[in-house]
C-alpha atoms as a PDB file:
ATOM      1  CA  UNK A   1      -5.246 -13.938  -5.108  1.00  0.00           C
ATOM      2  CA  UNK A   2      -1.760 -12.578  -4.270  1.00  0.00           C
ATOM      3  CA  UNK A   3       1.484 -14.566  -5.239  1.00  0.00           C
ATOM      4  CA  UNK A   4       1.917 -17.320  -2.792  1.00  0.00           C
ATOM      5  CA  UNK A   5       5.220 -18.279  -3.967  1.00  0.00           C
ATOM      6  CA  UNK A   6       6.987 -15.102  -2.983  1.00  0.00           C
ATOM      7  CA  UNK A   7       8.139 -16.496   0.594  1.00  0.00           C
ATOM      8  CA  UNK A   8       6.093 -13.784   2.314  1.00  0.00           C
ATOM      9  CA  UNK A   9       3.548 -14.453   5.053  1.00  0.00           C
ATOM     10  CA  UNK A  10       0.109 -13.629   3.373  1.00  0.00           C
ATOM     11  CA  UNK A  11      -2.853 -13.091   5.666  1.00  0.00           C
ATOM     12  CA  UNK A  12      -6.467 -12.342   5.642  1.00  0.00           C
ATOM     13  CA  UNK A  13      -8.667 -10.697   8.251  1.00  0.00           C
ATOM     14  CA  UNK A  14     -11.981  -9.050   8.690  1.00  0.00           C
ATOM     15  CA  UNK A  15     -11.258  -5.372   9.253  1.00  0.00           C
ATOM     16  CA  UNK A  16     -13.864  -2.628   9.646  1.00  0.00           C
ATOM     17  CA  UNK A  17     -16.343  -5.103   7.805  1.00  0.00           C
ATOM     18  CA  UNK A  18     -14.125  -5.837   4.787  1.00  0.00           C
ATOM     19  CA  UNK A  19     -11.788  -8.763   4.017  1.00  0.00           C
ATOM     20  CA  UNK A  20      -8.104  -7.296   4.212  1.00  0.00           C
ATOM     21  CA  UNK A  21      -5.334  -8.820   2.669  1.00  0.00           C
ATOM     22  CA  UNK A  22      -1.942  -8.131   4.306  1.00  0.00           C
ATOM     23  CA  UNK A  23       1.607  -9.408   4.699  1.00  0.00           C
ATOM     24  CA  UNK A  24       2.997 -10.068   8.291  1.00  0.00           C
ATOM     25  CA  UNK A  25       6.684 -10.652   8.888  1.00  0.00           C
ATOM     26  CA  UNK A  26       8.975 -10.531  12.004  1.00  0.00           C
ATOM     27  CA  UNK A  27       8.355 -10.062  15.534  1.00  0.00           C
ATOM     28  CA  UNK A  28       8.853  -7.146  18.078  1.00  0.00           C
ATOM     29  CA  UNK A  29       8.118  -3.513  18.027  1.00  0.00           C
ATOM     30  CA  UNK A  30       4.802  -2.823  15.746  1.00  0.00           C
ATOM     31  CA  UNK A  31       5.571  -1.232  12.479  1.00  0.00           C
ATOM     32  CA  UNK A  32       2.653  -0.546   9.909  1.00  0.00           C
ATOM     33  CA  UNK A  33       3.612   0.149   6.274  1.00  0.00           C
ATOM     34  CA  UNK A  34       0.795   2.099   4.451  1.00  0.00           C
ATOM     35  CA  UNK A  35       1.106   2.351   0.722  1.00  0.00           C
ATOM     36  CA  UNK A  36      -0.196   5.126  -1.585  1.00  0.00           C
ATOM     37  CA  UNK A  37      -1.385   5.411  -4.972  1.00  0.00           C
ATOM     38  CA  UNK A  38      -0.484   3.640  -7.183  1.00  0.00           C
ATOM     39  CA  UNK A  39       0.359   1.083  -4.706  1.00  0.00           C
ATOM     40  CA  UNK A  40      -0.364  -2.081  -2.743  1.00  0.00           C
ATOM     41  CA  UNK A  41       1.612  -4.386  -0.219  1.00  0.00           C
ATOM     42  CA  UNK A  42       4.286  -4.999  -2.789  1.00  0.00           C
ATOM     43  CA  UNK A  43       5.852  -1.471  -2.988  1.00  0.00           C
ATOM     44  CA  UNK A  44       7.440  -2.608   0.201  1.00  0.00           C
ATOM     45  CA  UNK A  45       9.055  -5.664  -1.119  1.00  0.00           C
ATOM     46  CA  UNK A  46      12.494  -4.353  -0.498  1.00  0.00           C
ATOM     47  CA  UNK A  47      11.880  -3.151   2.923  1.00  0.00           C
ATOM     48  CA  UNK A  48       9.791  -5.982   4.519  1.00  0.00           C
ATOM     49  CA  UNK A  49      12.572  -8.487   4.781  1.00  0.00           C
ATOM     50  CA  UNK A  50      15.194  -5.975   6.191  1.00  0.00           C
ATOM     51  CA  UNK A  51      12.770  -4.272   8.681  1.00  0.00           C
ATOM     52  CA  UNK A  52      11.341  -7.793   9.781  1.00  0.00           C
ATOM     53  CA  UNK A  53      14.630  -8.270  11.470  1.00  0.00           C
ATOM     54  CA  UNK A  54      13.821  -5.510  14.014  1.00  0.00           C
ATOM     55  CA  UNK A  55      10.174  -5.177  13.770  1.00  0.00           C
ATOM     56  CA  UNK A  56       6.726  -6.900  13.696  1.00  0.00           C
ATOM     57  CA  UNK A  57       5.969  -5.584  10.112  1.00  0.00           C
ATOM     58  CA  UNK A  58       2.476  -5.359   8.616  1.00  0.00           C
ATOM     59  CA  UNK A  59       1.962  -4.321   5.189  1.00  0.00           C
ATOM     60  CA  UNK A  60      -1.756  -4.170   4.083  1.00  0.00           C
ATOM     61  CA  UNK A  61      -3.519  -3.503   0.863  1.00  0.00           C
ATOM     62  CA  UNK A  62      -5.820  -0.841   1.815  1.00  0.00           C
ATOM     63  CA  UNK A  63      -9.664  -0.950   1.004  1.00  0.00           C
ATOM     64  CA  UNK A  64     -10.195  -0.699  -2.869  1.00  0.00           C
ATOM     65  CA  UNK A  65      -6.693  -1.710  -3.648  1.00  0.00           C
ATOM     66  CA  UNK A  66      -5.229  -4.992  -5.164  1.00  0.00           C
ATOM     67  CA  UNK A  67      -6.327  -8.028  -2.870  1.00  0.00           C
ATOM     68  CA  UNK A  68      -8.385  -6.365  -0.321  1.00  0.00           C
ATOM     69  CA  UNK A  69     -12.133  -5.874  -0.720  1.00  0.00           C
ATOM     70  CA  UNK A  70     -13.445  -2.918  -2.827  1.00  0.00           C
ATOM     71  CA  UNK A  71     -16.694  -1.845  -1.262  1.00  0.00           C
ATOM     72  CA  UNK A  72     -19.249  -0.746  -3.650  1.00  0.00           C
ATOM     73  CA  UNK A  73     -20.055   2.561  -2.114  1.00  0.00           C
ATOM     74  CA  UNK A  74     -19.798   6.306  -3.446  1.00  0.00           C
ATOM     75  CA  UNK A  75     -16.231   7.793  -3.058  1.00  0.00           C
ATOM     76  CA  UNK A  76     -17.569  10.195  -0.325  1.00  0.00           C
ATOM     77  CA  UNK A  77     -19.328   7.362   1.562  1.00  0.00           C
ATOM     78  CA  UNK A  78     -16.453   4.611   1.479  1.00  0.00           C
ATOM     79  CA  UNK A  79     -13.207   6.244   0.345  1.00  0.00           C
ATOM     80  CA  UNK A  80     -12.531   9.435   2.400  1.00  0.00           C
ATOM     81  CA  UNK A  81      -9.550   9.811   4.687  1.00  0.00           C
ATOM     82  CA  UNK A  82     -11.778   9.386   7.801  1.00  0.00           C
ATOM     83  CA  UNK A  83     -13.037   6.122   6.571  1.00  0.00           C
ATOM     84  CA  UNK A  84      -9.440   4.901   5.964  1.00  0.00           C
ATOM     85  CA  UNK A  85      -8.445   5.905   9.339  1.00  0.00           C
ATOM     86  CA  UNK A  86     -11.151   3.919  10.827  1.00  0.00           C
ATOM     87  CA  UNK A  87      -9.670   0.858   8.878  1.00  0.00           C
ATOM     88  CA  UNK A  88      -6.187   1.605  10.207  1.00  0.00           C
ATOM     89  CA  UNK A  89      -7.719   1.855  13.827  1.00  0.00           C
ATOM     90  CA  UNK A  90      -9.488  -1.579  13.248  1.00  0.00           C
ATOM     91  CA  UNK A  91      -6.362  -3.051  11.765  1.00  0.00           C
ATOM     92  CA  UNK A  92      -4.445  -2.174  15.036  1.00  0.00           C
ATOM     93  CA  UNK A  93      -7.359  -3.436  16.980  1.00  0.00           C
ATOM     94  CA  UNK A  94      -7.192  -6.914  15.045  1.00  0.00           C
ATOM     95  CA  UNK A  95      -3.360  -7.124  15.500  1.00  0.00           C
ATOM     96  CA  UNK A  96      -3.705  -6.547  19.174  1.00  0.00           C
ATOM     97  CA  UNK A  97      -1.485  -3.363  18.973  1.00  0.00           C
ATOM     98  CA  UNK A  98      -2.452  -0.470  21.443  1.00  0.00           C
ATOM     99  CA  UNK A  99      -0.270   1.695  19.282  1.00  0.00           C
ATOM    100  CA  UNK A 100       2.060   1.441  16.389  1.00  0.00           C
ATOM    101  CA  UNK A 101       4.947   2.956  14.408  1.00  0.00           C
ATOM    102  CA  UNK A 102       3.721   3.894  11.036  1.00  0.00           C
ATOM    103  CA  UNK A 103       5.562   4.445   7.818  1.00  0.00           C
ATOM    104  CA  UNK A 104       3.623   5.936   4.699  1.00  0.00           C
ATOM    105  CA  UNK A 105       3.885   8.291   1.643  1.00  0.00           C
ATOM    106  CA  UNK A 106       1.699   9.502  -1.099  1.00  0.00           C
ATOM    107  CA  UNK A 107      -2.084   8.982  -0.322  1.00  0.00           C
ATOM    108  CA  UNK A 108      -1.230   6.893   2.538  1.00  0.00           C
ATOM    109  CA  UNK A 109       0.043   9.861   4.275  1.00  0.00           C
ATOM    110  CA  UNK A 110      -3.378  11.657   3.865  1.00  0.00           C
ATOM    111  CA  UNK A 111      -4.929   8.733   5.511  1.00  0.00           C
ATOM    112  CA  UNK A 112      -2.324   8.296   8.273  1.00  0.00           C
ATOM    113  CA  UNK A 113      -2.096  12.092   9.185  1.00  0.00           C
ATOM    114  CA  UNK A 114      -6.127  11.846   9.593  1.00  0.00           C
ATOM    115  CA  UNK A 115      -5.690   8.641  11.823  1.00  0.00           C
ATOM    116  CA  UNK A 116      -2.754  10.458  13.768  1.00  0.00           C
ATOM    117  CA  UNK A 117      -5.190  13.446  14.595  1.00  0.00           C
ATOM    118  CA  UNK A 118      -8.182  11.312  15.373  1.00  0.00           C
ATOM    119  CA  UNK A 119      -6.273   8.693  17.464  1.00  0.00           C
ATOM    120  CA  UNK A 120      -3.341  10.492  18.850  1.00  0.00           C
ATOM    121  CA  UNK A 121      -2.611   7.872  21.504  1.00  0.00           C
ATOM    122  CA  UNK A 122      -2.512   5.075  18.968  1.00  0.00           C
ATOM    123  CA  UNK A 123       0.789   6.346  17.083  1.00  0.00           C
ATOM    124  CA  UNK A 124       4.147   5.950  18.666  1.00  0.00           C
ATOM    125  CA  UNK A 125       6.332   7.392  15.939  1.00  0.00           C
ATOM    126  CA  UNK A 126       5.619   8.584  12.306  1.00  0.00           C
ATOM    127  CA  UNK A 127       7.640   8.154   9.245  1.00  0.00           C
ATOM    128  CA  UNK A 128       6.665   9.746   5.879  1.00  0.00           C
ATOM    129  CA  UNK A 129       8.335  10.322   2.440  1.00  0.00           C
ATOM    130  CA  UNK A 130       7.424  13.419   0.472  1.00  0.00           C
ATOM    131  CA  UNK A 131       3.982  13.687   2.142  1.00  0.00           C
ATOM    132  CA  UNK A 132       0.986  15.640   1.030  1.00  0.00           C
ATOM    133  CA  UNK A 133       0.122  18.007   4.058  1.00  0.00           C
ATOM    134  CA  UNK A 134      -1.926  21.152   4.937  1.00  0.00           C
ATOM    135  CA  UNK A 135       1.237  23.440   4.370  1.00  0.00           C
ATOM    136  CA  UNK A 136       1.314  22.891   0.764  1.00  0.00           C
ATOM    137  CA  UNK A 137      -2.086  24.784   0.436  1.00  0.00           C
ATOM    138  CA  UNK A 138      -3.083  26.166  -3.059  1.00  0.00           C
ATOM    139  CA  UNK A 139       0.290  25.558  -4.437  1.00  0.00           C
ATOM    140  CA  UNK A 140      -1.005  22.179  -5.830  1.00  0.00           C
ATOM    141  CA  UNK A 141      -3.133  24.275  -8.279  1.00  0.00           C
ATOM    142  CA  UNK A 142      -0.408  26.837  -9.519  1.00  0.00           C
ATOM    143  CA  UNK A 143      -0.364  27.105 -13.156  1.00  0.00           C
ATOM    144  CA  UNK A 144       3.246  25.550 -13.382  1.00  0.00           C
ATOM    145  CA  UNK A 145       2.149  22.577 -11.604  1.00  0.00           C
ATOM    146  CA  UNK A 146      -1.042  21.831 -13.372  1.00  0.00           C
ATOM    147  CA  UNK A 147       0.878  19.611 -15.725  1.00  0.00           C
ATOM    148  CA  UNK A 148       1.900  17.289 -12.839  1.00  0.00           C
ATOM    149  CA  UNK A 149      -1.661  16.688 -11.549  1.00  0.00           C
ATOM    150  CA  UNK A 150      -3.619  16.187 -14.776  1.00  0.00           C
ATOM    151  CA  UNK A 151      -4.319  12.710 -13.573  1.00  0.00           C
ATOM    152  CA  UNK A 152      -6.142  13.795 -10.457  1.00  0.00           C
ATOM    153  CA  UNK A 153      -8.536  15.626 -12.602  1.00  0.00           C
ATOM    154  CA  UNK A 154      -8.584  12.588 -15.011  1.00  0.00           C
ATOM    155  CA  UNK A 155      -9.690  10.317 -12.192  1.00  0.00           C
ATOM    156  CA  UNK A 156     -12.715  12.484 -11.602  1.00  0.00           C
ATOM    157  CA  UNK A 157     -14.230  11.331 -14.955  1.00  0.00           C
ATOM    158  CA  UNK A 158     -16.957   8.428 -14.421  1.00  0.00           C
ATOM    159  CA  UNK A 159     -15.404   6.552 -17.337  1.00  0.00           C
ATOM    160  CA  UNK A 160     -11.656   6.830 -16.390  1.00  0.00           C
ATOM    161  CA  UNK A 161     -11.492   3.273 -15.066  1.00  0.00           C
ATOM    162  CA  UNK A 162     -12.971   1.857 -18.121  1.00  0.00           C
ATOM    163  CA  UNK A 163     -10.560   3.578 -20.343  1.00  0.00           C
ATOM    164  CA  UNK A 164      -7.398   2.508 -17.958  1.00  0.00           C
ATOM    165  CA  UNK A 165      -8.833  -0.816 -17.478  1.00  0.00           C
ATOM    166  CA  UNK A 166      -9.896  -1.557 -21.166  1.00  0.00           C
ATOM    167  CA  UNK A 167      -6.951  -3.981 -21.542  1.00  0.00           C
ATOM    168  CA  UNK A 168      -4.075  -5.171 -19.562  1.00  0.00           C
ATOM    169  CA  UNK A 169      -1.614  -3.202 -22.015  1.00  0.00           C
ATOM    170  CA  UNK A 170      -3.789  -0.013 -21.309  1.00  0.00           C
ATOM    171  CA  UNK A 171      -3.376  -0.610 -17.584  1.00  0.00           C
ATOM    172  CA  UNK A 172       0.259  -1.307 -17.771  1.00  0.00           C
ATOM    173  CA  UNK A 173       0.987   1.955 -19.788  1.00  0.00           C
ATOM    174  CA  UNK A 174      -0.855   3.914 -17.290  1.00  0.00           C
ATOM    175  CA  UNK A 175       0.930   2.472 -14.274  1.00  0.00           C
ATOM    176  CA  UNK A 176       4.176   2.280 -15.740  1.00  0.00           C
ATOM    177  CA  UNK A 177       4.103   6.052 -16.714  1.00  0.00           C
ATOM    178  CA  UNK A 178       3.550   7.037 -12.899  1.00  0.00           C
ATOM    179  CA  UNK A 179       6.256   4.710 -11.601  1.00  0.00           C
ATOM    180  CA  UNK A 180       8.820   6.019 -14.208  1.00  0.00           C
ATOM    181  CA  UNK A 181       7.860   9.679 -14.220  1.00  0.00           C
ATOM    182  CA  UNK A 182       7.788  10.203 -10.586  1.00  0.00           C
ATOM    183  CA  UNK A 183      11.304   8.508  -9.961  1.00  0.00           C
ATOM    184  CA  UNK A 184      14.590   9.959 -10.395  1.00  0.00           C
ATOM    185  CA  UNK A 185      15.947   7.040 -12.496  1.00  0.00           C
ATOM    186  CA  UNK A 186      13.360   6.780 -15.149  1.00  0.00           C
ATOM    187  CA  UNK A 187      14.609   3.131 -16.066  1.00  0.00           C
ATOM    188  CA  UNK A 188      14.468   2.016 -12.190  1.00  0.00           C
ATOM    189  CA  UNK A 189      11.475  -0.414 -12.573  1.00  0.00           C
ATOM    190  CA  UNK A 190      11.901  -3.924 -13.888  1.00  0.00           C
ATOM    191  CA  UNK A 191       9.439  -5.454 -16.085  1.00  0.00           C
ATOM    192  CA  UNK A 192       8.844  -7.979 -13.415  1.00  0.00           C
ATOM    193  CA  UNK A 193       7.987  -5.206 -10.834  1.00  0.00           C
ATOM    194  CA  UNK A 194       5.747  -3.303 -13.030  1.00  0.00           C
ATOM    195  CA  UNK A 195       4.119  -6.761 -13.770  1.00  0.00           C
ATOM    196  CA  UNK A 196       3.143  -7.266 -10.206  1.00  0.00           C
ATOM    197  CA  UNK A 197       1.454  -3.522 -10.208  1.00  0.00           C
ATOM    198  CA  UNK A 198      -0.436  -4.468 -13.401  1.00  0.00           C
ATOM    199  CA  UNK A 199      -1.654  -7.754 -11.696  1.00  0.00           C
ATOM    200  CA  UNK A 200      -2.720  -5.860  -8.680  1.00  0.00           C
ATOM    201  CA  UNK A 201      -4.666  -3.252 -10.645  1.00  0.00           C
ATOM    202  CA  UNK A 202      -6.393  -5.764 -12.971  1.00  0.00           C
ATOM    203  CA  UNK A 203      -8.135  -7.172 -10.010  1.00  0.00           C
ATOM    204  CA  UNK A 204     -11.917  -6.574 -10.313  1.00  0.00           C
ATOM    205  CA  UNK A 205     -12.559  -3.075  -9.115  1.00  0.00           C
ATOM    206  CA  UNK A 206      -8.843  -2.085  -8.079  1.00  0.00           C
ATOM    207  CA  UNK A 207      -8.679   0.674 -10.585  1.00  0.00           C
ATOM    208  CA  UNK A 208     -11.848   2.192  -9.690  1.00  0.00           C
ATOM    209  CA  UNK A 209     -10.978   1.801  -6.059  1.00  0.00           C
ATOM    210  CA  UNK A 210      -7.806   3.691  -6.303  1.00  0.00           C
ATOM    211  CA  UNK A 211      -9.672   6.480  -8.380  1.00  0.00           C
ATOM    212  CA  UNK A 212     -12.351   6.792  -5.865  1.00  0.00           C
ATOM    213  CA  UNK A 213      -9.804   8.006  -3.274  1.00  0.00           C
ATOM    214  CA  UNK A 214      -9.351  11.060  -5.665  1.00  0.00           C
ATOM    215  CA  UNK A 215     -12.922  11.529  -6.130  1.00  0.00           C
ATOM    216  CA  UNK A 216     -13.563  11.397  -2.404  1.00  0.00           C
ATOM    217  CA  UNK A 217     -11.003  14.046  -1.757  1.00  0.00           C
ATOM    218  CA  UNK A 218     -12.388  16.529  -4.357  1.00  0.00           C
ATOM    219  CA  UNK A 219     -15.952  15.824  -3.339  1.00  0.00           C
ATOM    220  CA  UNK A 220     -15.459  16.596   0.220  1.00  0.00           C
ATOM    221  CA  UNK A 221     -12.740  19.325   0.033  1.00  0.00           C
ATOM    222  CA  UNK A 222     -12.879  21.223   3.210  1.00  0.00           C
ATOM    223  CA  UNK A 223     -15.049  18.752   5.061  1.00  0.00           C
ATOM    224  CA  UNK A 224     -11.920  17.133   6.860  1.00  0.00           C
ATOM    225  CA  UNK A 225     -10.446  17.195  10.311  1.00  0.00           C
ATOM    226  CA  UNK A 226     -11.573  20.567  11.774  1.00  0.00           C
ATOM    227  CA  UNK A 227      -9.454  20.492  15.122  1.00  0.00           C
ATOM    228  CA  UNK A 228      -5.874  21.000  15.807  1.00  0.00           C
ATOM    229  CA  UNK A 229      -4.107  20.381  12.400  1.00  0.00           C
ATOM    230  CA  UNK A 230      -0.779  19.572  14.056  1.00  0.00           C
ATOM    231  CA  UNK A 231       0.541  16.102  14.748  1.00  0.00           C
ATOM    232  CA  UNK A 232       2.657  15.844  17.923  1.00  0.00           C
ATOM    233  CA  UNK A 233       4.228  12.518  17.730  1.00  0.00           C
ATOM    234  CA  UNK A 234       7.798  12.232  16.750  1.00  0.00           C
ATOM    235  CA  UNK A 235       7.884  12.375  13.044  1.00  0.00           C
ATOM    236  CA  UNK A 236      10.633  11.645  10.656  1.00  0.00           C
ATOM    237  CA  UNK A 237      10.189  12.905   7.170  1.00  0.00           C
ATOM    238  CA  UNK A 238      12.562  12.065   4.242  1.00  0.00           C
ATOM    239  CA  UNK A 239      11.876  14.099   0.962  1.00  0.00           C
ATOM    240  CA  UNK A 240      13.448  13.262  -2.314  1.00  0.00           C
ATOM    241  CA  UNK A 241      14.941  16.140  -4.175  1.00  0.00           C
ATOM    242  CA  UNK A 242      13.597  15.115  -7.466  1.00  0.00           C
ATOM    243  CA  UNK A 243       9.733  14.470  -7.054  1.00  0.00           C
ATOM    244  CA  UNK A 244       7.868  15.858  -9.884  1.00  0.00           C
ATOM    245  CA  UNK A 245       4.616  15.617  -8.125  1.00  0.00           C
ATOM    246  CA  UNK A 246       5.643  16.691  -4.596  1.00  0.00           C
ATOM    247  CA  UNK A 247       8.754  19.097  -5.183  1.00  0.00           C
ATOM    248  CA  UNK A 248      10.867  19.377  -2.068  1.00  0.00           C
ATOM    249  CA  UNK A 249      10.362  23.118  -2.069  1.00  0.00           C
ATOM    250  CA  UNK A 250       6.914  22.359  -0.738  1.00  0.00           C
ATOM    251  CA  UNK A 251       8.592  21.023   2.462  1.00  0.00           C
ATOM    252  CA  UNK A 252       9.183  24.561   3.679  1.00  0.00           C
ATOM    253  CA  UNK A 253       6.225  24.501   6.205  1.00  0.00           C
ATOM    254  CA  UNK A 254       6.644  21.202   7.747  1.00  0.00           C
ATOM    255  CA  UNK A 255       7.529  22.754  11.170  1.00  0.00           C
ATOM    256  CA  UNK A 256       4.132  24.432  11.311  1.00  0.00           C
ATOM    257  CA  UNK A 257       2.535  21.175  11.549  1.00  0.00           C
ATOM    258  CA  UNK A 258       4.922  18.551  12.958  1.00  0.00           C
ATOM    259  CA  UNK A 259       6.319  20.335  16.103  1.00  0.00           C
ATOM    260  CA  UNK A 260       8.589  17.287  16.650  1.00  0.00           C
ATOM    261  CA  UNK A 261      10.062  16.895  13.280  1.00  0.00           C
ATOM    262  CA  UNK A 262      13.184  15.273  11.948  1.00  0.00           C
ATOM    263  CA  UNK A 263      13.839  16.215   8.325  1.00  0.00           C
ATOM    264  CA  UNK A 264      16.141  14.783   5.837  1.00  0.00           C
ATOM    265  CA  UNK A 265      16.672  15.566   2.186  1.00  0.00           C
ATOM    266  CA  UNK A 266      17.370  12.562   0.240  1.00  0.00           C
ATOM    267  CA  UNK A 267      19.497  13.394  -3.009  1.00  0.00           C
ATOM    268  CA  UNK A 268      18.732  11.742  -6.469  1.00  0.00           C
ATOM    269  CA  UNK A 269      15.723  10.380  -5.450  1.00  0.00           C
ATOM    270  CA  UNK A 270      11.854  10.962  -6.529  1.00  0.00           C
ATOM    271  CA  UNK A 271       8.522   9.886  -5.210  1.00  0.00           C
ATOM    272  CA  UNK A 272       9.111   6.285  -4.373  1.00  0.00           C
ATOM    273  CA  UNK A 273      11.979   6.307  -1.842  1.00  0.00           C
ATOM    274  CA  UNK A 274      11.243   2.856  -0.463  1.00  0.00           C
ATOM    275  CA  UNK A 275      12.026   1.549  -4.020  1.00  0.00           C
ATOM    276  CA  UNK A 276      14.610   4.254  -5.173  1.00  0.00           C
ATOM    277  CA  UNK A 277      16.690   4.188  -1.785  1.00  0.00           C
ATOM    278  CA  UNK A 278      15.698   1.128  -0.087  1.00  0.00           C
ATOM    279  CA  UNK A 279      19.006   0.640   2.083  1.00  0.00           C
ATOM    280  CA  UNK A 280      18.994   4.310   3.131  1.00  0.00           C
ATOM    281  CA  UNK A 281      15.132   4.035   4.019  1.00  0.00           C
ATOM    282  CA  UNK A 282      15.293   0.847   5.933  1.00  0.00           C
ATOM    283  CA  UNK A 283      18.394   2.110   7.952  1.00  0.00           C
ATOM    284  CA  UNK A 284      16.525   5.528   8.577  1.00  0.00           C
ATOM    285  CA  UNK A 285      13.412   3.781   9.817  1.00  0.00           C
ATOM    286  CA  UNK A 286      15.158   1.489  12.072  1.00  0.00           C
ATOM    287  CA  UNK A 287      17.264   4.183  13.731  1.00  0.00           C
ATOM    288  CA  UNK A 288      14.508   6.628  14.198  1.00  0.00           C
ATOM    289  CA  UNK A 289      11.887   4.193  15.511  1.00  0.00           C
ATOM    290  CA  UNK A 290      14.367   2.370  17.693  1.00  0.00           C
ATOM    291  CA  UNK A 291      16.064   5.570  19.045  1.00  0.00           C
ATOM    292  CA  UNK A 292      16.045   5.769  22.857  1.00  0.00           C
ATOM    293  CA  UNK A 293      13.994   2.506  23.095  1.00  0.00           C
ATOM    294  CA  UNK A 294      16.701   0.462  24.737  1.00  0.00           C
ATOM    295  CA  UNK A 295      17.412   3.335  27.138  1.00  0.00           C
ATOM    296  CA  UNK A 296      13.500   3.673  27.830  1.00  0.00           C
ATOM    297  CA  UNK A 297      13.276  -0.077  28.340  1.00  0.00           C
ATOM    298  CA  UNK A 298      16.262  -0.278  30.780  1.00  0.00           C
ATOM    299  CA  UNK A 299      14.647   2.691  32.672  1.00  0.00           C
ATOM    300  CA  UNK A 300      11.388   1.121  32.823  1.00  0.00           C
ATOM    301  CA  UNK A 301      12.908  -2.108  34.284  1.00  0.00           C
ATOM    302  CA  UNK A 302      14.877  -0.418  36.975  1.00  0.00           C
END
């Protein structure tokens, strides 16, 4: 069970046949926060409060992660981007949201892009940080970058979760490495914060659930969305200039896939912008999502 003394509004609901855990705070314009790997609802702990002053904020643990169900299905059956997109659709249905603004990064950006292409009329605005996207292409596999993606290959091994989950200390070492290595400030994360991640990944099946996302991607490579690769909703992309796994040089083809793009480089920041630059992120999300909304509402009421 997630912590019940953190002052957050924890809820559970059946979403696409699974028991989903999520936090819901605030009221007003819908805002869905979708985590990546290694992540869960807590990665937004410096954002949910400030954003809830302006939005109806929902931060779920996605399938396979933390305190949400972890279906015992093969990766290609239960953990593909298409399956996660259906979970997001079902989440919006449960919340009664015809459409939503979505903020995401890392693997969450893969799932959300799939959702945005499949259900174009259900996304209002999109905000992403350092997102994996089609324009990166084969640069993932360039020799100079292989040392940064070893973990993706490691996650394919059938005993990988047994090794990482062999003890609480092993889980902590593994998770702490990525939180630190992918951040600009290597000493940013407190022991208490890392402890929340360790507890989440020590939930039965949680390490396997996360690894299954990588397995599904490798096993179904080239079988994804076959239609128009572009996402036409207004999109804000913030990109940290010191992300080891997703270097900012890879942002060069964003315009080919996001016709209505607002791009912003974030200096002295790495992979976890919501934690590394929370004030900047909270302000950027609020201004971008609410831009023109007051004018539109006034015109609509005239």
